Amino acid sequence: GKRPPTLLLLEHPRVITLGRKATGENLLFPESWY
């Protein structure tokens, strides 16, 4: 309760993120390749 609801807006440099459902099978290359 120390701040109101907050919307952060930004851009990222090139990055791949994998969420809770990810197993890695939808990466087309090994993690090191990225």
Full PDB file with SEQRES, HELIX, SHEET, SSBOND, CRYST1, ORIGX, SCALE, CONECT and MASTER records, all heavy atoms in Angstrom:
SEQRES   1 A   34  GLY LYS ARG PRO PRO THR LEU LEU LEU LEU GLU HIS PRO          
SEQRES   2 A   34  ARG VAL ILE THR LEU GLY ARG LYS ALA THR GLY GLU ASN          
SEQRES   3 A   34  LEU LEU PHE PRO GLU SER TRP TYR                              
CRYST1    1.000    1.000    1.000  90.00  90.00  90.00 P 1           1          
ORIGX1      1.000000  0.000000  0.000000        0.00000                         
ORIGX2      0.000000  1.000000  0.000000        0.00000                         
ORIGX3      0.000000  0.000000  1.000000        0.00000                         
SCALE1      1.000000  0.000000  0.000000        0.00000                         
SCALE2      0.000000  1.000000  0.000000        0.00000                         
SCALE3      0.000000  0.000000  1.000000        0.00000                         
ATOM      1  N   GLY A   1       0.800  -1.224   0.000  1.00  0.00           N  
ATOM      2  CA  GLY A   1       0.000   0.000   0.000  1.00  0.00           C  
ATOM      3  C   GLY A   1       0.825   1.263   0.000  1.00  0.00           C  
ATOM      4  O   GLY A   1       0.320   2.343   0.319  1.00  0.00           O  
ATOM      5  N   LYS A   2       2.103   1.142  -0.387  1.00  0.00           N  
ATOM      6  CA  LYS A   2       2.987   2.313  -0.371  1.00  0.00           C  
ATOM      7  C   LYS A   2       2.973   3.082  -1.685  1.00  0.00           C  
ATOM      8  O   LYS A   2       3.610   4.132  -1.791  1.00  0.00           O  
ATOM      9  CB  LYS A   2       4.419   1.891  -0.030  1.00  0.00           C  
ATOM     10  CG  LYS A   2       4.561   1.390   1.401  1.00  0.00           C  
ATOM     11  CD  LYS A   2       6.012   1.174   1.766  1.00  0.00           C  
ATOM     12  CE  LYS A   2       6.158   0.803   3.244  1.00  0.00           C  
ATOM     13  NZ  LYS A   2       7.576   0.623   3.630  1.00  0.00           N  
ATOM     14  N   ARG A   3       2.295   2.543  -2.696  1.00  0.00           N  
ATOM     15  CA  ARG A   3       2.130   3.263  -3.955  1.00  0.00           C  
ATOM     16  C   ARG A   3       0.839   2.790  -4.608  1.00  0.00           C  
ATOM     17  O   ARG A   3       0.362   1.684  -4.337  1.00  0.00           O  
ATOM     18  CB  ARG A   3       3.330   3.088  -4.882  1.00  0.00           C  
ATOM     19  CG  ARG A   3       3.490   1.707  -5.475  1.00  0.00           C  
ATOM     20  CD  ARG A   3       4.220   1.766  -6.799  1.00  0.00           C  
ATOM     21  NE  ARG A   3       5.612   2.178  -6.721  1.00  0.00           N  
ATOM     22  CZ  ARG A   3       6.249   2.757  -7.733  1.00  0.00           C  
ATOM     23  NH1 ARG A   3       5.637   2.987  -8.885  1.00  0.00           N  
ATOM     24  NH2 ARG A   3       7.519   3.095  -7.624  1.00  0.00           N  
ATOM     25  N   PRO A   4       0.239   3.602  -5.490  1.00  0.00           N  
ATOM     26  CA  PRO A   4      -0.986   3.196  -6.162  1.00  0.00           C  
ATOM     27  C   PRO A   4      -0.683   2.160  -7.247  1.00  0.00           C  
ATOM     28  O   PRO A   4       0.493   1.883  -7.539  1.00  0.00           O  
ATOM     29  CB  PRO A   4      -1.486   4.511  -6.789  1.00  0.00           C  
ATOM     30  CG  PRO A   4      -0.254   5.314  -6.994  1.00  0.00           C  
ATOM     31  CD  PRO A   4       0.660   4.967  -5.848  1.00  0.00           C  
ATOM     32  N   PRO A   5      -1.725   1.582  -7.852  1.00  0.00           N  
ATOM     33  CA  PRO A   5      -1.484   0.730  -9.018  1.00  0.00           C  
ATOM     34  C   PRO A   5      -0.558   1.455  -9.987  1.00  0.00           C  
ATOM     35  O   PRO A   5      -0.685   2.674 -10.173  1.00  0.00           O  
ATOM     36  CB  PRO A   5      -2.888   0.544  -9.610  1.00  0.00           C  
ATOM     37  CG  PRO A   5      -3.808   0.736  -8.458  1.00  0.00           C  
ATOM     38  CD  PRO A   5      -3.163   1.765  -7.588  1.00  0.00           C  
ATOM     39  N   THR A   6       0.357   0.717 -10.590  1.00  0.00           N  
ATOM     40  CA  THR A   6       1.402   1.347 -11.403  1.00  0.00           C  
ATOM     41  C   THR A   6       1.536   0.650 -12.742  1.00  0.00           C  
ATOM     42  O   THR A   6       1.546  -0.579 -12.814  1.00  0.00           O  
ATOM     43  CB  THR A   6       2.755   1.294 -10.664  1.00  0.00           C  
ATOM     44  OG1 THR A   6       2.642   2.018  -9.429  1.00  0.00           O  
ATOM     45  CG2 THR A   6       3.864   1.906 -11.501  1.00  0.00           C  
ATOM     46  N   LEU A   7       1.645   1.450 -13.796  1.00  0.00           N  
ATOM     47  CA  LEU A   7       1.894   0.936 -15.145  1.00  0.00           C  
ATOM     48  C   LEU A   7       3.293   1.356 -15.565  1.00  0.00           C  
ATOM     49  O   LEU A   7       3.581   2.552 -15.684  1.00  0.00           O  
ATOM     50  CB  LEU A   7       0.852   1.481 -16.122  1.00  0.00           C  
ATOM     51  CG  LEU A   7       1.062   1.126 -17.601  1.00  0.00           C  
ATOM     52  CD1 LEU A   7       0.989  -0.386 -17.815  1.00  0.00           C  
ATOM     53  CD2 LEU A   7       0.046   1.853 -18.478  1.00  0.00           C  
ATOM     54  N   LEU A   8       4.178   0.374 -15.754  1.00  0.00           N  
ATOM     55  CA  LEU A   8       5.517   0.631 -16.266  1.00  0.00           C  
ATOM     56  C   LEU A   8       5.504   0.461 -17.774  1.00  0.00           C  
ATOM     57  O   LEU A   8       5.041  -0.568 -18.278  1.00  0.00           O  
ATOM     58  CB  LEU A   8       6.533  -0.345 -15.647  1.00  0.00           C  
ATOM     59  CG  LEU A   8       6.598  -0.408 -14.119  1.00  0.00           C  
ATOM     60  CD1 LEU A   8       7.616  -1.459 -13.685  1.00  0.00           C  
ATOM     61  CD2 LEU A   8       6.929   0.951 -13.522  1.00  0.00           C  
ATOM     62  N   LEU A   9       5.997   1.454 -18.499  1.00  0.00           N  
ATOM     63  CA  LEU A   9       6.087   1.386 -19.958  1.00  0.00           C  
ATOM     64  C   LEU A   9       7.552   1.460 -20.361  1.00  0.00           C  
ATOM     65  O   LEU A   9       8.295   2.318 -19.876  1.00  0.00           O  
ATOM     66  CB  LEU A   9       5.318   2.545 -20.594  1.00  0.00           C  
ATOM     67  CG  LEU A   9       3.803   2.553 -20.375  1.00  0.00           C  
ATOM     68  CD1 LEU A   9       3.193   3.813 -20.978  1.00  0.00           C  
ATOM     69  CD2 LEU A   9       3.150   1.311 -20.968  1.00  0.00           C  
ATOM     70  N   LEU A  10       7.967   0.575 -21.257  1.00  0.00           N  
ATOM     71  CA  LEU A  10       9.384   0.505 -21.611  1.00  0.00           C  
ATOM     72  C   LEU A  10       9.592  -0.301 -22.875  1.00  0.00           C  
ATOM     73  O   LEU A  10       8.655  -0.892 -23.427  1.00  0.00           O  
ATOM     74  CB  LEU A  10      10.177  -0.110 -20.465  1.00  0.00           C  
ATOM     75  CG  LEU A  10       9.839  -1.549 -20.070  1.00  0.00           C  
ATOM     76  CD1 LEU A  10      11.038  -2.206 -19.379  1.00  0.00           C  
ATOM     77  CD2 LEU A  10       8.654  -1.601 -19.111  1.00  0.00           C  
ATOM     78  N   GLU A  11      10.827  -0.300 -23.334  1.00  0.00           N  
ATOM     79  CA  GLU A  11      11.293  -1.195 -24.390  1.00  0.00           C  
ATOM     80  C   GLU A  11      12.478  -1.975 -23.836  1.00  0.00           C  
ATOM     81  O   GLU A  11      13.153  -1.514 -22.911  1.00  0.00           O  
ATOM     82  CB  GLU A  11      11.730  -0.408 -25.625  1.00  0.00           C  
ATOM     83  CG  GLU A  11      10.616   0.366 -26.304  1.00  0.00           C  
ATOM     84  CD  GLU A  11      11.139   1.240 -27.443  1.00  0.00           C  
ATOM     85  OE1 GLU A  11      11.626   0.678 -28.453  1.00  0.00           O  
ATOM     86  OE2 GLU A  11      11.092   2.473 -27.308  1.00  0.00           O  
ATOM     87  N   HIS A  12      12.706  -3.154 -24.396  1.00  0.00           N  
ATOM     88  CA  HIS A  12      13.855  -3.962 -24.001  1.00  0.00           C  
ATOM     89  C   HIS A  12      14.813  -4.137 -25.174  1.00  0.00           C  
ATOM     90  O   HIS A  12      14.372  -4.201 -26.330  1.00  0.00           O  
ATOM     91  CB  HIS A  12      13.409  -5.368 -23.570  1.00  0.00           C  
ATOM     92  CG  HIS A  12      12.655  -5.413 -22.285  1.00  0.00           C  
ATOM     93  ND1 HIS A  12      13.147  -4.877 -21.114  1.00  0.00           N  
ATOM     94  CD2 HIS A  12      11.441  -5.955 -21.963  1.00  0.00           C  
ATOM     95  CE1 HIS A  12      12.270  -5.080 -20.136  1.00  0.00           C  
ATOM     96  NE2 HIS A  12      11.231  -5.726 -20.628  1.00  0.00           N  
ATOM     97  N   PRO A  13      16.122  -4.265 -24.913  1.00  0.00           N  
ATOM     98  CA  PRO A  13      17.013  -4.815 -25.936  1.00  0.00           C  
ATOM     99  C   PRO A  13      16.564  -6.246 -26.260  1.00  0.00           C  
ATOM    100  O   PRO A  13      15.769  -6.834 -25.526  1.00  0.00           O  
ATOM    101  CB  PRO A  13      18.389  -4.801 -25.258  1.00  0.00           C  
ATOM    102  CG  PRO A  13      18.252  -3.817 -24.130  1.00  0.00           C  
ATOM    103  CD  PRO A  13      16.827  -3.905 -23.675  1.00  0.00           C  
ATOM    104  N   ARG A  14      17.093  -6.823 -27.309  1.00  0.00           N  
ATOM    105  CA  ARG A  14      16.645  -8.141 -27.794  1.00  0.00           C  
ATOM    106  C   ARG A  14      16.763  -9.201 -26.686  1.00  0.00           C  
ATOM    107  O   ARG A  14      17.842  -9.421 -26.134  1.00  0.00           O  
ATOM    108  CB  ARG A  14      17.459  -8.571 -29.003  1.00  0.00           C  
ATOM    109  CG  ARG A  14      17.309  -7.648 -30.190  1.00  0.00           C  
ATOM    110  CD  ARG A  14      18.430  -7.857 -31.176  1.00  0.00           C  
ATOM    111  NE  ARG A  14      18.165  -8.963 -32.077  1.00  0.00           N  
ATOM    112  CZ  ARG A  14      19.116  -9.724 -32.613  1.00  0.00           C  
ATOM    113  NH1 ARG A  14      20.389  -9.546 -32.287  1.00  0.00           N  
ATOM    114  NH2 ARG A  14      18.796 -10.694 -33.461  1.00  0.00           N  
ATOM    115  N   VAL A  15      15.627  -9.847 -26.386  1.00  0.00           N  
ATOM    116  CA  VAL A  15      15.603 -10.825 -25.308  1.00  0.00           C  
ATOM    117  C   VAL A  15      14.506 -11.853 -25.576  1.00  0.00           C  
ATOM    118  O   VAL A  15      13.448 -11.533 -26.115  1.00  0.00           O  
ATOM    119  CB  VAL A  15      15.379 -10.137 -23.939  1.00  0.00           C  
ATOM    120  CG1 VAL A  15      14.066  -9.390 -23.886  1.00  0.00           C  
ATOM    121  CG2 VAL A  15      15.471 -11.135 -22.792  1.00  0.00           C  
ATOM    122  N   ILE A  16      14.785 -13.092 -25.219  1.00  0.00           N  
ATOM    123  CA  ILE A  16      13.804 -14.178 -25.267  1.00  0.00           C  
ATOM    124  C   ILE A  16      13.420 -14.498 -23.827  1.00  0.00           C  
ATOM    125  O   ILE A  16      14.292 -14.674 -22.970  1.00  0.00           O  
ATOM    126  CB  ILE A  16      14.407 -15.450 -25.920  1.00  0.00           C  
ATOM    127  CG1 ILE A  16      14.938 -15.147 -27.329  1.00  0.00           C  
ATOM    128  CG2 ILE A  16      13.389 -16.578 -25.932  1.00  0.00           C  
ATOM    129  CD1 ILE A  16      13.907 -14.739 -28.332  1.00  0.00           C  
ATOM    130  N   THR A  17      12.112 -14.573 -23.548  1.00  0.00           N  
ATOM    131  CA  THR A  17      11.674 -14.977 -22.211  1.00  0.00           C  
ATOM    132  C   THR A  17      10.760 -16.186 -22.317  1.00  0.00           C  
ATOM    133  O   THR A  17       9.993 -16.322 -23.273  1.00  0.00           O  
ATOM    134  CB  THR A  17      10.949 -13.839 -21.463  1.00  0.00           C  
ATOM    135  OG1 THR A  17       9.681 -13.561 -22.082  1.00  0.00           O  
ATOM    136  CG2 THR A  17      11.795 -12.579 -21.445  1.00  0.00           C  
ATOM    137  N   LEU A  18      10.859 -17.047 -21.333  1.00  0.00           N  
ATOM    138  CA  LEU A  18      10.057 -18.267 -21.284  1.00  0.00           C  
ATOM    139  C   LEU A  18       9.239 -18.273 -20.000  1.00  0.00           C  
ATOM    140  O   LEU A  18       9.792 -18.131 -18.910  1.00  0.00           O  
ATOM    141  CB  LEU A  18      10.943 -19.514 -21.347  1.00  0.00           C  
ATOM    142  CG  LEU A  18      11.761 -19.649 -22.639  1.00  0.00           C  
ATOM    143  CD1 LEU A  18      13.201 -19.227 -22.390  1.00  0.00           C  
ATOM    144  CD2 LEU A  18      11.706 -21.062 -23.190  1.00  0.00           C  
ATOM    145  N   GLY A  19       7.919 -18.412 -20.137  1.00  0.00           N  
ATOM    146  CA  GLY A  19       7.016 -18.375 -19.000  1.00  0.00           C  
ATOM    147  C   GLY A  19       6.783 -19.733 -18.379  1.00  0.00           C  
ATOM    148  O   GLY A  19       7.448 -20.725 -18.709  1.00  0.00           O  
ATOM    149  N   ARG A  20       5.783 -19.796 -17.503  1.00  0.00           N  
ATOM    150  CA  ARG A  20       5.550 -21.001 -16.697  1.00  0.00           C  
ATOM    151  C   ARG A  20       5.177 -22.222 -17.530  1.00  0.00           C  
ATOM    152  O   ARG A  20       5.426 -23.354 -17.115  1.00  0.00           O  
ATOM    153  CB  ARG A  20       4.442 -20.732 -15.671  1.00  0.00           C  
ATOM    154  CG  ARG A  20       4.819 -19.748 -14.586  1.00  0.00           C  
ATOM    155  CD  ARG A  20       3.797 -19.740 -13.461  1.00  0.00           C  
ATOM    156  NE  ARG A  20       2.443 -19.542 -13.919  1.00  0.00           N  
ATOM    157  CZ  ARG A  20       1.854 -18.355 -14.078  1.00  0.00           C  
ATOM    158  NH1 ARG A  20       2.542 -17.250 -13.822  1.00  0.00           N  
ATOM    159  NH2 ARG A  20       0.611 -18.260 -14.478  1.00  0.00           N  
ATOM    160  N   LYS A  21       4.558 -22.017 -18.689  1.00  0.00           N  
ATOM    161  CA  LYS A  21       4.159 -23.153 -19.517  1.00  0.00           C  
ATOM    162  C   LYS A  21       5.286 -23.668 -20.407  1.00  0.00           C  
ATOM    163  O   LYS A  21       5.155 -24.707 -21.044  1.00  0.00           O  
ATOM    164  CB  LYS A  21       2.967 -22.767 -20.395  1.00  0.00           C  
ATOM    165  CG  LYS A  21       1.659 -22.582 -19.634  1.00  0.00           C  
ATOM    166  CD  LYS A  21       0.515 -22.325 -20.599  1.00  0.00           C  
ATOM    167  CE  LYS A  21      -0.806 -22.170 -19.844  1.00  0.00           C  
ATOM    168  NZ  LYS A  21      -1.941 -21.893 -20.774  1.00  0.00           N  
ATOM    169  N   ALA A  22       6.379 -22.939 -20.453  1.00  0.00           N  
ATOM    170  CA  ALA A  22       7.457 -23.281 -21.381  1.00  0.00           C  
ATOM    171  C   ALA A  22       8.244 -24.506 -20.911  1.00  0.00           C  
ATOM    172  O   ALA A  22       8.505 -24.675 -19.719  1.00  0.00           O  
ATOM    173  CB  ALA A  22       8.400 -22.099 -21.546  1.00  0.00           C  
ATOM    174  N   THR A  23       8.599 -25.331 -21.876  1.00  0.00           N  
ATOM    175  CA  THR A  23       9.477 -26.475 -21.620  1.00  0.00           C  
ATOM    176  C   THR A  23      10.802 -26.319 -22.357  1.00  0.00           C  
ATOM    177  O   THR A  23      11.740 -27.080 -22.115  1.00  0.00           O  
ATOM    178  CB  THR A  23       8.819 -27.783 -22.089  1.00  0.00           C  
ATOM    179  OG1 THR A  23       8.621 -27.708 -23.510  1.00  0.00           O  
ATOM    180  CG2 THR A  23       7.480 -27.995 -21.397  1.00  0.00           C  
ATOM    181  N   GLY A  24      10.846 -25.358 -23.261  1.00  0.00           N  
ATOM    182  CA  GLY A  24      12.033 -25.181 -24.104  1.00  0.00           C  
ATOM    183  C   GLY A  24      11.848 -25.760 -25.486  1.00  0.00           C  
ATOM    184  O   GLY A  24      12.657 -25.503 -26.385  1.00  0.00           O  
ATOM    185  N   GLU A  25      10.769 -26.529 -25.697  1.00  0.00           N  
ATOM    186  CA  GLU A  25      10.574 -27.168 -26.996  1.00  0.00           C  
ATOM    187  C   GLU A  25      10.282 -26.160 -28.108  1.00  0.00           C  
ATOM    188  O   GLU A  25      10.443 -26.474 -29.294  1.00  0.00           O  
ATOM    189  CB  GLU A  25       9.429 -28.186 -26.931  1.00  0.00           C  
ATOM    190  CG  GLU A  25       8.064 -27.579 -26.656  1.00  0.00           C  
ATOM    191  CD  GLU A  25       6.972 -28.640 -26.601  1.00  0.00           C  
ATOM    192  OE1 GLU A  25       7.168 -29.719 -27.183  1.00  0.00           O  
ATOM    193  OE2 GLU A  25       5.932 -28.380 -25.981  1.00  0.00           O  
ATOM    194  N   ASN A  26       9.852 -24.944 -27.740  1.00  0.00           N  
ATOM    195  CA  ASN A  26       9.550 -23.944 -28.763  1.00  0.00           C  
ATOM    196  C   ASN A  26      10.702 -22.981 -29.014  1.00  0.00           C  
ATOM    197  O   ASN A  26      10.548 -21.985 -29.720  1.00  0.00           O  
ATOM    198  CB  ASN A  26       8.274 -23.191 -28.384  1.00  0.00           C  
ATOM    199  CG  ASN A  26       7.062 -24.108 -28.466  1.00  0.00           C  
ATOM    200  OD1 ASN A  26       6.873 -24.812 -29.460  1.00  0.00           O  
ATOM    201  ND2 ASN A  26       6.265 -24.137 -27.419  1.00  0.00           N  
ATOM    202  N   LEU A  27      11.848 -23.292 -28.431  1.00  0.00           N  
ATOM    203  CA  LEU A  27      13.099 -22.658 -28.845  1.00  0.00           C  
ATOM    204  C   LEU A  27      13.622 -23.435 -30.049  1.00  0.00           C  
ATOM    205  O   LEU A  27      13.656 -24.668 -30.036  1.00  0.00           O  
ATOM    206  CB  LEU A  27      14.137 -22.722 -27.718  1.00  0.00           C  
ATOM    207  CG  LEU A  27      13.847 -21.929 -26.441  1.00  0.00           C  
ATOM    208  CD1 LEU A  27      14.917 -22.239 -25.398  1.00  0.00           C  
ATOM    209  CD2 LEU A  27      13.796 -20.427 -26.720  1.00  0.00           C  
ATOM    210  N   LEU A  28      14.024 -22.746 -31.093  1.00  0.00           N  
ATOM    211  CA  LEU A  28      14.490 -23.434 -32.298  1.00  0.00           C  
ATOM    212  C   LEU A  28      15.983 -23.736 -32.265  1.00  0.00           C  
ATOM    213  O   LEU A  28      16.501 -24.427 -33.147  1.00  0.00           O  
ATOM    214  CB  LEU A  28      14.141 -22.599 -33.532  1.00  0.00           C  
ATOM    215  CG  LEU A  28      12.643 -22.373 -33.757  1.00  0.00           C  
ATOM    216  CD1 LEU A  28      12.409 -21.552 -35.020  1.00  0.00           C  
ATOM    217  CD2 LEU A  28      11.894 -23.704 -33.844  1.00  0.00           C  
ATOM    218  N   PHE A  29      16.659 -23.214 -31.246  1.00  0.00           N  
ATOM    219  CA  PHE A  29      18.099 -23.423 -31.106  1.00  0.00           C  
ATOM    220  C   PHE A  29      18.424 -23.670 -29.637  1.00  0.00           C  
ATOM    221  O   PHE A  29      17.607 -23.375 -28.756  1.00  0.00           O  
ATOM    222  CB  PHE A  29      18.871 -22.181 -31.603  1.00  0.00           C  
ATOM    223  CG  PHE A  29      18.590 -21.815 -33.021  1.00  0.00           C  
ATOM    224  CD1 PHE A  29      17.634 -20.843 -33.324  1.00  0.00           C  
ATOM    225  CD2 PHE A  29      19.266 -22.433 -34.060  1.00  0.00           C  
ATOM    226  CE1 PHE A  29      17.358 -20.495 -34.634  1.00  0.00           C  
ATOM    227  CE2 PHE A  29      18.996 -22.090 -35.380  1.00  0.00           C  
ATOM    228  CZ  PHE A  29      18.044 -21.118 -35.674  1.00  0.00           C  
ATOM    229  N   PRO A  30      19.617 -24.191 -29.339  1.00  0.00           N  
ATOM    230  CA  PRO A  30      20.030 -24.326 -27.937  1.00  0.00           C  
ATOM    231  C   PRO A  30      20.090 -22.950 -27.263  1.00  0.00           C  
ATOM    232  O   PRO A  30      20.307 -21.930 -27.933  1.00  0.00           O  
ATOM    233  CB  PRO A  30      21.432 -24.946 -28.038  1.00  0.00           C  
ATOM    234  CG  PRO A  30      21.487 -25.573 -29.388  1.00  0.00           C  
ATOM    235  CD  PRO A  30      20.630 -24.727 -30.274  1.00  0.00           C  
ATOM    236  N   GLU A  31      19.911 -22.915 -25.951  1.00  0.00           N  
ATOM    237  CA  GLU A  31      19.933 -21.643 -25.228  1.00  0.00           C  
ATOM    238  C   GLU A  31      21.227 -20.866 -25.493  1.00  0.00           C  
ATOM    239  O   GLU A  31      21.206 -19.636 -25.615  1.00  0.00           O  
ATOM    240  CB  GLU A  31      19.766 -21.879 -23.723  1.00  0.00           C  
ATOM    241  CG  GLU A  31      18.370 -22.338 -23.336  1.00  0.00           C  
ATOM    242  CD  GLU A  31      18.164 -22.380 -21.830  1.00  0.00           C  
ATOM    243  OE1 GLU A  31      18.815 -21.571 -21.125  1.00  0.00           O  
ATOM    244  OE2 GLU A  31      17.369 -23.205 -21.361  1.00  0.00           O  
ATOM    245  N   SER A  32      22.334 -21.571 -25.594  1.00  0.00           N  
ATOM    246  CA  SER A  32      23.612 -20.892 -25.817  1.00  0.00           C  
ATOM    247  C   SER A  32      23.631 -20.146 -27.142  1.00  0.00           C  
ATOM    248  O   SER A  32      24.268 -19.090 -27.269  1.00  0.00           O  
ATOM    249  CB  SER A  32      24.755 -21.903 -25.770  1.00  0.00           C  
ATOM    250  OG  SER A  32      24.572 -22.903 -26.769  1.00  0.00           O  
ATOM    251  N   TRP A  33      22.930 -20.665 -28.149  1.00  0.00           N  
ATOM    252  CA  TRP A  33      22.895 -20.007 -29.465  1.00  0.00           C  
ATOM    253  C   TRP A  33      22.323 -18.599 -29.360  1.00  0.00           C  
ATOM    254  O   TRP A  33      22.836 -17.667 -29.987  1.00  0.00           O  
ATOM    255  CB  TRP A  33      22.057 -20.839 -30.444  1.00  0.00           C  
ATOM    256  CG  TRP A  33      21.996 -20.241 -31.829  1.00  0.00           C  
ATOM    257  CD1 TRP A  33      22.813 -20.521 -32.880  1.00  0.00           C  
ATOM    258  CD2 TRP A  33      21.072 -19.244 -32.294  1.00  0.00           C  
ATOM    259  NE1 TRP A  33      22.457 -19.767 -33.978  1.00  0.00           N  
ATOM    260  CE2 TRP A  33      21.388 -18.975 -33.643  1.00  0.00           C  
ATOM    261  CE3 TRP A  33      20.005 -18.559 -31.707  1.00  0.00           C  
ATOM    262  CZ2 TRP A  33      20.685 -18.041 -34.422  1.00  0.00           C  
ATOM    263  CZ3 TRP A  33      19.298 -17.637 -32.473  1.00  0.00           C  
ATOM    264  CH2 TRP A  33      19.639 -17.377 -33.799  1.00  0.00           C  
ATOM    265  N   TYR A  34      21.277 -18.440 -28.576  1.00  0.00           N  
ATOM    266  CA  TYR A  34      20.644 -17.124 -28.454  1.00  0.00           C  
ATOM    267  C   TYR A  34      21.609 -16.119 -27.849  1.00  0.00           C  
ATOM    268  O   TYR A  34      21.741 -14.991 -28.345  1.00  0.00           O  
ATOM    269  CB  TYR A  34      19.365 -17.233 -27.611  1.00  0.00           C  
ATOM    270  CG  TYR A  34      18.297 -18.056 -28.302  1.00  0.00           C  
ATOM    271  CD1 TYR A  34      18.184 -19.422 -28.059  1.00  0.00           C  
ATOM    272  CD2 TYR A  34      17.434 -17.479 -29.220  1.00  0.00           C  
ATOM    273  CE1 TYR A  34      17.236 -20.198 -28.707  1.00  0.00           C  
ATOM    274  CE2 TYR A  34      16.475 -18.244 -29.879  1.00  0.00           C  
ATOM    275  CZ  TYR A  34      16.387 -19.601 -29.628  1.00  0.00           C  
ATOM    276  OH  TYR A  34      15.455 -20.358 -30.287  1.00  0.00           O  
TER     277      TYR A  34                                                      
MASTER        0    0    0    0    0    0    0    6  276    1    0    3          
END                                                                             
